């Protein structure tokens, strides 16, 4: 007997509706429906809740092979979420390109390192592009972190692709404008993101 059939049998033996079981397990009715129809499996934590609620062992609910497969899948999902969180944090670190003294300003014949707020030794167009790129990356990083914490999967790959593309454009533009210190920081952040992308795709 498959897991969905076992769950349905256990639920009916208690005289519960899908909604009542969902409330008892603190999940949605849709989740119960999906599990019973065989369109998905609960997480390890939900399995423990089901096991305790019906006073049956997890082995009675799932075969050992299926349990190992489920645990592996959940582990991969957790690692992906951690990598996504770190990816968002790396994007948030683009704030360093704004607040750190990475830009040369010529004052009274001396060159001083200043942050982007005080940087005047470049064209207005360049400064505008810097601000647009850096702020866009910071906003995307914040969005990535929020979506990751809310466990929202939709659009995850698109956001990652946009973020990576903006980072590449940032590095190229800083290289064209010869901002030696800023491009070093931007390139290091891009390298960190590349490592995280590699780990994410290797786990998929």
N, C-alpha and C. Protein backbone atom coordinates (compact mmCIF):
# COMPACT_ATOMS: atom_id res chain seq x y z
N UNK A 1 0.83 -1.20 0.00
CA UNK A 1 0.00 0.00 0.00
C UNK A 1 0.87 1.26 0.00
N UNK A 2 0.54 2.19 -0.85
CA UNK A 2 1.31 3.42 -0.96
C UNK A 2 1.03 4.35 0.23
N UNK A 3 1.93 5.32 0.42
CA UNK A 3 1.79 6.24 1.55
C UNK A 3 0.44 6.95 1.54
N UNK A 4 0.03 7.45 0.36
CA UNK A 4 -1.23 8.19 0.26
C UNK A 4 -2.42 7.36 0.70
N UNK A 5 -2.41 6.09 0.31
CA UNK A 5 -3.50 5.20 0.69
C UNK A 5 -3.49 4.93 2.19
N UNK A 6 -2.29 4.77 2.75
CA UNK A 6 -2.17 4.53 4.19
C UNK A 6 -2.67 5.75 4.97
N UNK A 7 -2.28 6.94 4.52
CA UNK A 7 -2.70 8.15 5.22
C UNK A 7 -4.23 8.31 5.16
N UNK A 8 -4.78 8.03 4.00
CA UNK A 8 -6.23 8.15 3.83
C UNK A 8 -6.97 7.15 4.73
N UNK A 9 -6.43 5.96 4.81
CA UNK A 9 -7.03 4.92 5.64
C UNK A 9 -6.96 5.30 7.12
N UNK A 10 -5.81 5.84 7.55
CA UNK A 10 -5.65 6.25 8.94
C UNK A 10 -6.60 7.41 9.27
N UNK A 11 -6.71 8.34 8.34
CA UNK A 11 -7.60 9.50 8.56
C UNK A 11 -9.05 9.05 8.70
N UNK A 12 -9.48 8.19 7.80
CA UNK A 12 -10.88 7.73 7.83
C UNK A 12 -11.16 6.86 9.06
N UNK A 13 -10.11 6.16 9.53
CA UNK A 13 -10.31 5.33 10.73
C UNK A 13 -10.57 6.19 11.95
N UNK A 14 -10.12 7.43 11.92
CA UNK A 14 -10.39 8.38 13.00
C UNK A 14 -11.64 9.22 12.73
N UNK A 15 -12.24 9.03 11.57
CA UNK A 15 -13.43 9.79 11.22
C UNK A 15 -13.15 11.26 10.98
N UNK A 16 -11.97 11.55 10.43
CA UNK A 16 -11.56 12.94 10.20
C UNK A 16 -11.71 13.33 8.74
N UNK A 17 -12.03 14.58 8.51
CA UNK A 17 -11.99 15.12 7.14
C UNK A 17 -10.57 15.58 6.86
N UNK A 18 -10.29 15.85 5.60
CA UNK A 18 -8.96 16.36 5.25
C UNK A 18 -8.67 17.68 5.96
N UNK A 19 -9.69 18.52 6.09
CA UNK A 19 -9.52 19.81 6.76
C UNK A 19 -9.20 19.62 8.24
N UNK A 20 -9.88 18.70 8.88
CA UNK A 20 -9.65 18.45 10.31
C UNK A 20 -8.25 17.88 10.55
N UNK A 21 -7.81 16.99 9.67
CA UNK A 21 -6.46 16.43 9.81
C UNK A 21 -5.41 17.52 9.56
N UNK A 22 -5.68 18.37 8.57
CA UNK A 22 -4.76 19.46 8.26
C UNK A 22 -4.59 20.38 9.46
N UNK A 23 -5.68 20.69 10.14
CA UNK A 23 -5.62 21.56 11.32
C UNK A 23 -4.86 20.88 12.46
N UNK A 24 -5.04 19.58 12.59
CA UNK A 24 -4.35 18.84 13.65
C UNK A 24 -2.84 18.78 13.41
N UNK A 25 -2.46 18.75 12.13
CA UNK A 25 -1.03 18.64 11.78
C UNK A 25 -0.40 20.01 11.46
N UNK A 26 -1.22 21.08 11.51
CA UNK A 26 -0.75 22.44 11.22
C UNK A 26 -0.21 22.57 9.80
N UNK A 27 -0.93 21.96 8.87
CA UNK A 27 -0.61 22.10 7.44
C UNK A 27 -1.89 22.51 6.71
N UNK A 28 -1.79 22.75 5.42
CA UNK A 28 -2.98 23.13 4.65
C UNK A 28 -3.76 21.89 4.20
N UNK A 29 -5.04 22.09 3.92
CA UNK A 29 -5.86 20.98 3.40
C UNK A 29 -5.34 20.52 2.05
N UNK A 30 -4.78 21.49 1.28
CA UNK A 30 -4.21 21.15 -0.02
C UNK A 30 -3.06 20.17 0.12
N UNK A 31 -2.26 20.35 1.19
CA UNK A 31 -1.13 19.45 1.43
C UNK A 31 -1.64 18.03 1.69
N UNK A 32 -2.67 17.91 2.53
CA UNK A 32 -3.24 16.59 2.82
C UNK A 32 -3.77 15.95 1.55
N UNK A 33 -4.48 16.74 0.74
CA UNK A 33 -5.03 16.23 -0.51
C UNK A 33 -3.92 15.74 -1.44
N UNK A 34 -2.84 16.51 -1.50
CA UNK A 34 -1.71 16.15 -2.37
C UNK A 34 -1.04 14.86 -1.90
N UNK A 35 -0.88 14.74 -0.59
CA UNK A 35 -0.25 13.53 -0.05
C UNK A 35 -1.11 12.29 -0.30
N UNK A 36 -2.41 12.43 -0.07
CA UNK A 36 -3.30 11.28 -0.21
C UNK A 36 -3.46 10.85 -1.67
N UNK A 37 -3.32 11.81 -2.59
CA UNK A 37 -3.46 11.46 -4.01
C UNK A 37 -2.16 10.97 -4.62
N UNK A 38 -1.08 10.97 -3.81
CA UNK A 38 0.21 10.50 -4.31
C UNK A 38 0.97 11.50 -5.15
N UNK A 39 0.53 12.78 -5.11
CA UNK A 39 1.20 13.82 -5.89
C UNK A 39 2.36 14.47 -5.14
N UNK A 40 2.63 13.99 -3.95
CA UNK A 40 3.75 14.54 -3.18
C UNK A 40 3.87 13.81 -1.85
N UNK A 41 4.96 14.11 -1.15
CA UNK A 41 5.20 13.50 0.15
C UNK A 41 5.47 14.59 1.18
N UNK A 42 5.13 14.34 2.43
CA UNK A 42 5.40 15.34 3.47
C UNK A 42 6.89 15.44 3.79
N UNK A 43 7.26 16.50 4.47
CA UNK A 43 8.64 16.64 4.93
C UNK A 43 8.88 15.66 6.07
N UNK A 44 10.13 15.52 6.47
CA UNK A 44 10.47 14.63 7.57
C UNK A 44 9.76 15.07 8.84
N UNK A 45 9.71 16.39 9.08
CA UNK A 45 9.02 16.90 10.27
C UNK A 45 7.53 16.57 10.25
N UNK A 46 6.92 16.73 9.07
CA UNK A 46 5.49 16.40 8.94
C UNK A 46 5.25 14.90 9.13
N UNK A 47 6.18 14.10 8.64
CA UNK A 47 6.07 12.65 8.84
C UNK A 47 6.08 12.30 10.32
N UNK A 48 6.94 13.00 11.08
CA UNK A 48 7.01 12.76 12.52
C UNK A 48 5.68 13.13 13.19
N UNK A 49 5.10 14.26 12.72
CA UNK A 49 3.81 14.69 13.26
C UNK A 49 2.71 13.65 12.96
N UNK A 50 2.71 13.15 11.72
CA UNK A 50 1.72 12.14 11.32
C UNK A 50 1.90 10.87 12.15
N UNK A 51 3.17 10.47 12.30
CA UNK A 51 3.49 9.26 13.06
C UNK A 51 3.00 9.38 14.50
N UNK A 52 3.26 10.53 15.12
CA UNK A 52 2.84 10.74 16.51
C UNK A 52 1.33 10.84 16.64
N UNK A 53 0.70 11.50 15.69
CA UNK A 53 -0.75 11.71 15.75
C UNK A 53 -1.52 10.40 15.65
N UNK A 54 -1.07 9.53 14.76
CA UNK A 54 -1.78 8.25 14.56
C UNK A 54 -1.15 7.09 15.36
N UNK A 55 -0.08 7.40 16.11
CA UNK A 55 0.60 6.38 16.93
C UNK A 55 1.08 5.20 16.09
N UNK A 56 1.71 5.52 14.97
CA UNK A 56 2.33 4.49 14.12
C UNK A 56 3.77 4.90 13.87
N UNK A 57 4.60 3.94 13.51
CA UNK A 57 6.00 4.26 13.23
C UNK A 57 6.14 4.84 11.83
N UNK A 58 7.20 5.59 11.61
CA UNK A 58 7.46 6.15 10.29
C UNK A 58 7.69 5.04 9.27
N UNK A 59 8.28 3.94 9.74
CA UNK A 59 8.51 2.79 8.85
C UNK A 59 7.21 2.20 8.35
N UNK A 60 6.15 2.31 9.16
CA UNK A 60 4.84 1.80 8.74
C UNK A 60 4.22 2.70 7.67
N UNK A 61 4.63 3.96 7.66
CA UNK A 61 4.08 4.91 6.69
C UNK A 61 4.82 4.88 5.36
N UNK A 62 6.15 4.77 5.46
CA UNK A 62 6.98 4.81 4.25
C UNK A 62 7.99 3.68 4.26
N UNK A 63 8.31 3.17 3.09
CA UNK A 63 9.36 2.15 2.99
C UNK A 63 10.71 2.80 3.27
N UNK A 64 11.68 1.99 3.67
CA UNK A 64 13.01 2.51 3.97
C UNK A 64 13.63 3.22 2.78
N UNK A 65 13.44 2.66 1.59
CA UNK A 65 14.00 3.24 0.37
C UNK A 65 13.39 4.62 0.09
N UNK A 66 12.06 4.70 0.22
CA UNK A 66 11.38 5.96 -0.02
C UNK A 66 11.75 7.01 1.04
N UNK A 67 11.95 6.55 2.28
CA UNK A 67 12.33 7.45 3.36
C UNK A 67 13.71 8.04 3.12
N UNK A 68 14.64 7.19 2.66
CA UNK A 68 15.99 7.66 2.35
C UNK A 68 15.95 8.68 1.20
N UNK A 69 15.14 8.38 0.19
CA UNK A 69 15.00 9.28 -0.96
C UNK A 69 14.41 10.62 -0.53
N UNK A 70 13.41 10.57 0.36
CA UNK A 70 12.77 11.79 0.86
C UNK A 70 13.74 12.63 1.68
N UNK A 71 14.53 11.96 2.53
CA UNK A 71 15.51 12.66 3.36
C UNK A 71 16.58 13.32 2.49
N UNK A 72 17.01 12.62 1.44
CA UNK A 72 18.01 13.17 0.52
C UNK A 72 17.47 14.39 -0.20
N UNK A 73 16.21 14.30 -0.65
CA UNK A 73 15.59 15.42 -1.36
C UNK A 73 15.44 16.63 -0.45
N UNK A 74 15.04 16.37 0.80
CA UNK A 74 14.87 17.47 1.76
C UNK A 74 16.21 18.11 2.09
N UNK A 75 17.25 17.29 2.19
CA UNK A 75 18.59 17.81 2.46
C UNK A 75 19.06 18.71 1.32
N UNK A 76 18.81 18.27 0.08
CA UNK A 76 19.18 19.08 -1.09
C UNK A 76 18.42 20.41 -1.09
N UNK A 77 17.14 20.34 -0.72
CA UNK A 77 16.32 21.55 -0.66
C UNK A 77 16.85 22.52 0.38
N UNK A 78 17.24 22.00 1.55
CA UNK A 78 17.77 22.85 2.62
C UNK A 78 19.08 23.51 2.21
N UNK A 79 19.94 22.75 1.52
CA UNK A 79 21.21 23.29 1.06
C UNK A 79 20.98 24.38 0.03
N UNK A 80 19.99 24.16 -0.87
CA UNK A 80 19.67 25.16 -1.88
C UNK A 80 19.17 26.45 -1.24
N UNK A 81 18.35 26.32 -0.20
CA UNK A 81 17.83 27.49 0.49
C UNK A 81 18.96 28.26 1.20
N UNK A 82 19.91 27.53 1.76
CA UNK A 82 21.05 28.18 2.41
C UNK A 82 21.88 28.94 1.38
N UNK A 83 22.12 28.30 0.23
CA UNK A 83 22.89 28.96 -0.84
C UNK A 83 22.15 30.19 -1.36
N UNK A 84 20.83 30.09 -1.50
CA UNK A 84 20.04 31.23 -1.95
C UNK A 84 20.11 32.38 -0.94
N UNK A 85 20.07 32.04 0.34
CA UNK A 85 20.18 33.06 1.39
C UNK A 85 21.53 33.76 1.31
N UNK A 86 22.59 32.97 1.18
CA UNK A 86 23.94 33.54 1.06
C UNK A 86 24.07 34.38 -0.21
N UNK A 87 23.41 33.95 -1.27
CA UNK A 87 23.44 34.69 -2.54
C UNK A 87 22.83 36.08 -2.33
N UNK A 88 21.70 36.12 -1.62
CA UNK A 88 21.06 37.40 -1.33
C UNK A 88 21.93 38.28 -0.45
N UNK A 89 22.60 37.67 0.53
CA UNK A 89 23.49 38.44 1.42
C UNK A 89 24.65 39.02 0.64
N UNK A 90 25.19 38.25 -0.30
CA UNK A 90 26.29 38.76 -1.14
C UNK A 90 25.83 39.98 -1.93
N UNK A 91 24.61 39.93 -2.47
CA UNK A 91 24.08 41.10 -3.18
C UNK A 91 23.92 42.29 -2.25
N UNK A 92 23.48 42.04 -1.03
CA UNK A 92 23.34 43.13 -0.05
C UNK A 92 24.70 43.76 0.27
N UNK A 93 25.75 42.96 0.14
CA UNK A 93 27.10 43.46 0.42
C UNK A 93 27.57 44.48 -0.62
N UNK A 94 26.79 44.64 -1.71
CA UNK A 94 27.13 45.68 -2.68
C UNK A 94 27.02 47.07 -2.08
N UNK A 95 26.44 47.17 -0.89
CA UNK A 95 26.40 48.46 -0.20
C UNK A 95 27.81 48.95 0.11
N UNK A 96 28.76 48.00 0.18
CA UNK A 96 30.16 48.40 0.42
C UNK A 96 30.70 49.25 -0.72
N UNK A 97 30.15 49.06 -1.93
CA UNK A 97 30.59 49.86 -3.08
C UNK A 97 30.09 51.30 -2.98
N UNK A 98 29.18 51.53 -2.06
CA UNK A 98 28.66 52.88 -1.84
C UNK A 98 29.32 53.55 -0.65
N UNK A 99 29.48 52.81 0.44
CA UNK A 99 29.92 53.43 1.70
C UNK A 99 31.43 53.36 1.96
N UNK A 100 32.11 52.42 1.31
CA UNK A 100 33.56 52.32 1.54
C UNK A 100 34.32 53.33 0.68
N UNK A 101 35.47 53.82 1.18
CA UNK A 101 36.28 54.78 0.39
C UNK A 101 37.06 54.07 -0.71
N UNK A 102 36.40 53.82 -1.83
CA UNK A 102 36.99 53.06 -2.94
C UNK A 102 37.28 53.92 -4.16
N UNK A 103 37.03 55.24 -4.06
CA UNK A 103 37.11 56.09 -5.24
C UNK A 103 38.10 57.23 -4.99
N UNK A 104 38.95 57.54 -6.00
CA UNK A 104 39.97 58.58 -5.83
C UNK A 104 39.43 59.99 -6.09
N UNK A 105 39.63 60.87 -5.13
CA UNK A 105 39.24 62.27 -5.28
C UNK A 105 40.48 63.14 -5.15
N UNK A 106 40.69 64.01 -6.12
CA UNK A 106 41.84 64.91 -6.09
C UNK A 106 41.45 66.19 -5.34
N UNK A 107 42.09 66.42 -4.18
CA UNK A 107 41.80 67.60 -3.36
C UNK A 107 43.12 68.30 -3.03
N UNK A 108 43.23 69.55 -3.49
CA UNK A 108 44.43 70.36 -3.23
C UNK A 108 45.71 69.63 -3.64
N UNK A 109 45.66 68.97 -4.77
CA UNK A 109 46.84 68.30 -5.29
C UNK A 109 47.11 66.94 -4.69
N UNK A 110 46.29 66.51 -3.75
CA UNK A 110 46.45 65.21 -3.11
C UNK A 110 45.26 64.31 -3.48
N UNK A 111 45.55 63.02 -3.63
CA UNK A 111 44.49 62.07 -3.95
C UNK A 111 44.01 61.39 -2.67
N UNK A 112 42.72 61.54 -2.40
CA UNK A 112 42.11 60.92 -1.22
C UNK A 112 41.09 59.86 -1.68
N UNK A 113 41.01 58.82 -0.88
CA UNK A 113 39.99 57.80 -1.17
C UNK A 113 38.71 58.21 -0.46
N UNK A 114 37.61 58.25 -1.23
CA UNK A 114 36.32 58.66 -0.68
C UNK A 114 35.25 57.64 -1.07
N UNK A 115 34.10 57.74 -0.39
CA UNK A 115 33.00 56.87 -0.77
C UNK A 115 32.21 57.47 -1.93
N UNK A 116 31.18 56.76 -2.39
CA UNK A 116 30.45 57.21 -3.57
C UNK A 116 29.70 58.51 -3.32
N UNK A 117 29.31 58.77 -2.08
CA UNK A 117 28.61 60.02 -1.75
C UNK A 117 29.48 61.24 -2.03
N UNK A 118 30.79 61.10 -1.73
CA UNK A 118 31.70 62.25 -1.86
C UNK A 118 32.50 62.24 -3.16
N UNK A 119 32.28 61.23 -4.00
CA UNK A 119 33.07 61.07 -5.22
C UNK A 119 32.62 62.07 -6.29
N UNK A 120 33.55 62.90 -6.72
CA UNK A 120 33.23 63.92 -7.74
C UNK A 120 34.15 63.87 -8.95
N UNK A 121 35.23 63.09 -8.88
CA UNK A 121 36.22 63.07 -9.95
C UNK A 121 35.84 62.10 -11.07
N UNK A 122 34.60 62.16 -11.50
CA UNK A 122 34.13 61.38 -12.64
C UNK A 122 32.92 62.10 -13.23
N UNK A 123 32.44 61.62 -14.34
CA UNK A 123 31.30 62.30 -14.98
C UNK A 123 30.00 62.00 -14.23
N UNK A 124 29.03 62.88 -14.42
CA UNK A 124 27.72 62.69 -13.79
C UNK A 124 27.07 61.40 -14.30
N UNK A 125 27.31 61.09 -15.58
CA UNK A 125 26.74 59.87 -16.16
C UNK A 125 27.29 58.64 -15.44
N UNK A 126 28.62 58.62 -15.23
CA UNK A 126 29.24 57.48 -14.54
C UNK A 126 28.68 57.30 -13.13
N UNK A 127 28.57 58.41 -12.41
CA UNK A 127 28.04 58.34 -11.04
C UNK A 127 26.60 57.82 -11.04
N UNK A 128 25.82 58.27 -12.01
CA UNK A 128 24.43 57.83 -12.09
C UNK A 128 24.36 56.32 -12.34
N UNK A 129 25.21 55.83 -13.26
CA UNK A 129 25.23 54.40 -13.56
C UNK A 129 25.67 53.60 -12.33
N UNK A 130 26.68 54.10 -11.62
CA UNK A 130 27.12 53.43 -10.39
C UNK A 130 25.94 53.27 -9.42
N UNK A 131 25.25 54.37 -9.17
CA UNK A 131 24.14 54.34 -8.22
C UNK A 131 23.04 53.38 -8.66
N UNK A 132 22.70 53.42 -9.93
CA UNK A 132 21.64 52.54 -10.44
C UNK A 132 22.03 51.07 -10.28
N UNK A 133 23.25 50.73 -10.67
CA UNK A 133 23.71 49.34 -10.58
C UNK A 133 23.79 48.86 -9.13
N UNK A 134 24.41 49.67 -8.28
CA UNK A 134 24.61 49.25 -6.89
C UNK A 134 23.29 49.12 -6.14
N UNK A 135 22.42 50.12 -6.31
CA UNK A 135 21.13 50.09 -5.62
C UNK A 135 20.28 48.93 -6.14
N UNK A 136 20.31 48.68 -7.44
CA UNK A 136 19.55 47.57 -8.02
C UNK A 136 20.00 46.23 -7.43
N UNK A 137 21.30 46.05 -7.29
CA UNK A 137 21.83 44.81 -6.72
C UNK A 137 21.43 44.67 -5.25
N UNK A 138 21.45 45.77 -4.51
CA UNK A 138 21.06 45.73 -3.10
C UNK A 138 19.58 45.37 -2.96
N UNK A 139 18.75 45.98 -3.79
CA UNK A 139 17.30 45.69 -3.76
C UNK A 139 17.04 44.23 -4.12
N UNK A 140 17.72 43.73 -5.15
CA UNK A 140 17.56 42.33 -5.55
C UNK A 140 18.01 41.40 -4.43
N UNK A 141 19.10 41.78 -3.76
CA UNK A 141 19.57 40.97 -2.63
C UNK A 141 18.55 40.91 -1.51
N UNK A 142 17.95 42.05 -1.19
CA UNK A 142 16.91 42.08 -0.16
C UNK A 142 15.71 41.24 -0.55
N UNK A 143 15.32 41.32 -1.83
CA UNK A 143 14.19 40.54 -2.34
C UNK A 143 14.50 39.05 -2.26
N UNK A 144 15.72 38.69 -2.61
CA UNK A 144 16.14 37.29 -2.58
C UNK A 144 16.07 36.73 -1.15
N UNK A 145 16.53 37.51 -0.20
CA UNK A 145 16.51 37.08 1.20
C UNK A 145 15.08 36.91 1.69
N UNK A 146 14.21 37.88 1.39
CA UNK A 146 12.81 37.83 1.83
C UNK A 146 12.09 36.62 1.23
N UNK A 147 12.24 36.41 -0.08
CA UNK A 147 11.59 35.28 -0.74
C UNK A 147 12.11 33.95 -0.20
N UNK A 148 13.40 33.92 0.10
CA UNK A 148 14.00 32.70 0.63
C UNK A 148 13.45 32.38 2.02
N UNK A 149 13.31 33.42 2.86
CA UNK A 149 12.78 33.22 4.20
C UNK A 149 11.32 32.80 4.18
N UNK A 150 10.59 33.26 3.16
CA UNK A 150 9.18 32.91 3.02
C UNK A 150 8.99 31.60 2.26
N UNK A 151 10.12 31.01 1.84
CA UNK A 151 10.10 29.74 1.11
C UNK A 151 9.31 29.84 -0.19
N UNK A 152 9.41 30.96 -0.86
CA UNK A 152 8.73 31.14 -2.14
C UNK A 152 9.69 30.75 -3.26
N UNK A 153 9.35 29.72 -4.01
CA UNK A 153 10.23 29.20 -5.05
C UNK A 153 10.05 29.93 -6.38
N UNK A 154 8.85 30.45 -6.61
CA UNK A 154 8.52 31.03 -7.91
C UNK A 154 9.43 32.22 -8.22
N UNK A 155 10.03 32.20 -9.40
CA UNK A 155 10.87 33.30 -9.85
C UNK A 155 12.28 33.29 -9.30
N UNK A 156 12.63 32.24 -8.54
CA UNK A 156 13.96 32.17 -7.91
C UNK A 156 15.08 32.19 -8.95
N UNK A 157 14.92 31.38 -10.01
CA UNK A 157 15.96 31.31 -11.04
C UNK A 157 16.07 32.62 -11.82
N UNK A 158 14.92 33.26 -12.05
CA UNK A 158 14.93 34.53 -12.80
C UNK A 158 15.67 35.60 -12.02
N UNK A 159 15.39 35.69 -10.72
CA UNK A 159 16.06 36.68 -9.87
C UNK A 159 17.56 36.41 -9.83
N UNK A 160 17.94 35.14 -9.73
CA UNK A 160 19.36 34.78 -9.72
C UNK A 160 20.03 35.18 -11.03
N UNK A 161 19.36 34.95 -12.15
CA UNK A 161 19.92 35.30 -13.47
C UNK A 161 20.07 36.82 -13.61
N UNK A 162 19.05 37.58 -13.18
CA UNK A 162 19.12 39.04 -13.26
C UNK A 162 20.25 39.57 -12.39
N UNK A 163 20.35 39.03 -11.19
CA UNK A 163 21.39 39.45 -10.26
C UNK A 163 22.79 39.19 -10.83
N UNK A 164 22.97 38.00 -11.38
CA UNK A 164 24.27 37.64 -11.96
C UNK A 164 24.60 38.55 -13.15
N UNK A 165 23.60 38.79 -13.99
CA UNK A 165 23.81 39.68 -15.14
C UNK A 165 24.20 41.08 -14.72
N UNK A 166 23.52 41.61 -13.69
CA UNK A 166 23.85 42.95 -13.19
C UNK A 166 25.26 43.01 -12.60
N UNK A 167 25.66 41.93 -11.92
CA UNK A 167 27.01 41.89 -11.35
C UNK A 167 28.07 41.91 -12.45
N UNK A 168 27.82 41.18 -13.53
CA UNK A 168 28.76 41.16 -14.65
C UNK A 168 28.84 42.54 -15.29
N UNK A 169 27.69 43.18 -15.49
CA UNK A 169 27.66 44.53 -16.07
C UNK A 169 28.40 45.51 -15.16
N UNK A 170 28.21 45.36 -13.84
CA UNK A 170 28.89 46.23 -12.87
C UNK A 170 30.40 46.11 -12.99
N UNK A 171 30.88 44.88 -13.03
CA UNK A 171 32.33 44.65 -13.15
C UNK A 171 32.87 45.24 -14.46
N UNK A 172 32.15 45.01 -15.56
CA UNK A 172 32.59 45.51 -16.86
C UNK A 172 32.60 47.04 -16.88
N UNK A 173 31.56 47.66 -16.32
CA UNK A 173 31.47 49.12 -16.33
C UNK A 173 32.55 49.74 -15.45
N UNK A 174 32.77 49.16 -14.29
CA UNK A 174 33.84 49.67 -13.41
C UNK A 174 35.20 49.50 -14.06
N UNK A 175 35.35 48.44 -14.84
CA UNK A 175 36.59 48.25 -15.58
C UNK A 175 36.77 49.29 -16.67
N UNK A 176 35.69 49.60 -17.37
CA UNK A 176 35.74 50.62 -18.43
C UNK A 176 36.06 52.00 -17.86
N UNK A 177 35.56 52.28 -16.66
CA UNK A 177 35.80 53.59 -16.05
C UNK A 177 37.06 53.60 -15.17
N UNK A 178 37.74 52.47 -15.14
CA UNK A 178 39.04 52.33 -14.46
C UNK A 178 38.98 52.65 -12.97
N UNK A 179 37.98 52.11 -12.33
CA UNK A 179 37.86 52.26 -10.87
C UNK A 179 38.52 51.03 -10.23
N UNK A 180 39.81 51.14 -9.98
CA UNK A 180 40.61 49.98 -9.58
C UNK A 180 40.12 49.31 -8.30
N UNK A 181 39.87 50.09 -7.26
CA UNK A 181 39.47 49.51 -5.98
C UNK A 181 38.04 48.98 -6.04
N UNK A 182 37.16 49.75 -6.65
CA UNK A 182 35.75 49.35 -6.73
C UNK A 182 35.59 48.08 -7.56
N UNK A 183 36.33 47.99 -8.65
CA UNK A 183 36.19 46.79 -9.50
C UNK A 183 36.71 45.55 -8.77
N UNK A 184 37.73 45.73 -7.92
CA UNK A 184 38.24 44.60 -7.14
C UNK A 184 37.17 44.06 -6.21
N UNK A 185 36.48 44.98 -5.52
CA UNK A 185 35.41 44.58 -4.62
C UNK A 185 34.26 43.92 -5.40
N UNK A 186 33.85 44.54 -6.49
CA UNK A 186 32.75 44.01 -7.30
C UNK A 186 33.10 42.63 -7.87
N UNK A 187 34.35 42.46 -8.28
CA UNK A 187 34.79 41.18 -8.84
C UNK A 187 34.79 40.09 -7.77
N UNK A 188 35.21 40.43 -6.55
CA UNK A 188 35.20 39.46 -5.46
C UNK A 188 33.77 39.00 -5.15
N UNK A 189 32.83 39.95 -5.16
CA UNK A 189 31.43 39.61 -4.92
C UNK A 189 30.89 38.71 -6.04
N UNK A 190 31.30 38.99 -7.27
CA UNK A 190 30.88 38.16 -8.40
C UNK A 190 31.43 36.75 -8.28
N UNK A 191 32.67 36.63 -7.82
CA UNK A 191 33.28 35.31 -7.62
C UNK A 191 32.50 34.52 -6.57
N UNK A 192 32.13 35.19 -5.47
CA UNK A 192 31.34 34.53 -4.42
C UNK A 192 30.01 34.03 -4.97
N UNK A 193 29.36 34.85 -5.79
CA UNK A 193 28.08 34.46 -6.37
C UNK A 193 28.26 33.29 -7.33
N UNK A 194 29.35 33.29 -8.08
CA UNK A 194 29.62 32.20 -9.02
C UNK A 194 29.79 30.87 -8.28
N UNK A 195 30.49 30.93 -7.14
CA UNK A 195 30.68 29.72 -6.33
C UNK A 195 29.34 29.19 -5.83
N UNK A 196 28.48 30.11 -5.36
CA UNK A 196 27.16 29.71 -4.86
C UNK A 196 26.28 29.13 -5.97
N UNK A 197 26.34 29.74 -7.16
CA UNK A 197 25.57 29.23 -8.30
C UNK A 197 26.04 27.82 -8.65
N UNK A 198 27.35 27.61 -8.62
CA UNK A 198 27.90 26.28 -8.91
C UNK A 198 27.38 25.25 -7.91
N UNK A 199 27.35 25.62 -6.63
CA UNK A 199 26.88 24.70 -5.61
C UNK A 199 25.39 24.41 -5.76
N UNK A 200 24.61 25.46 -6.11
CA UNK A 200 23.16 25.28 -6.30
C UNK A 200 22.88 24.31 -7.44
N UNK A 201 23.52 24.54 -8.60
CA UNK A 201 23.24 23.71 -9.76
C UNK A 201 23.82 22.30 -9.60
N UNK A 202 24.89 22.16 -8.84
CA UNK A 202 25.45 20.83 -8.61
C UNK A 202 24.52 19.98 -7.76
N UNK A 203 23.72 20.66 -6.91
CA UNK A 203 22.79 19.94 -6.04
C UNK A 203 21.50 19.57 -6.74
N UNK A 204 21.19 20.27 -7.87
CA UNK A 204 19.92 20.02 -8.58
C UNK A 204 19.99 18.73 -9.40
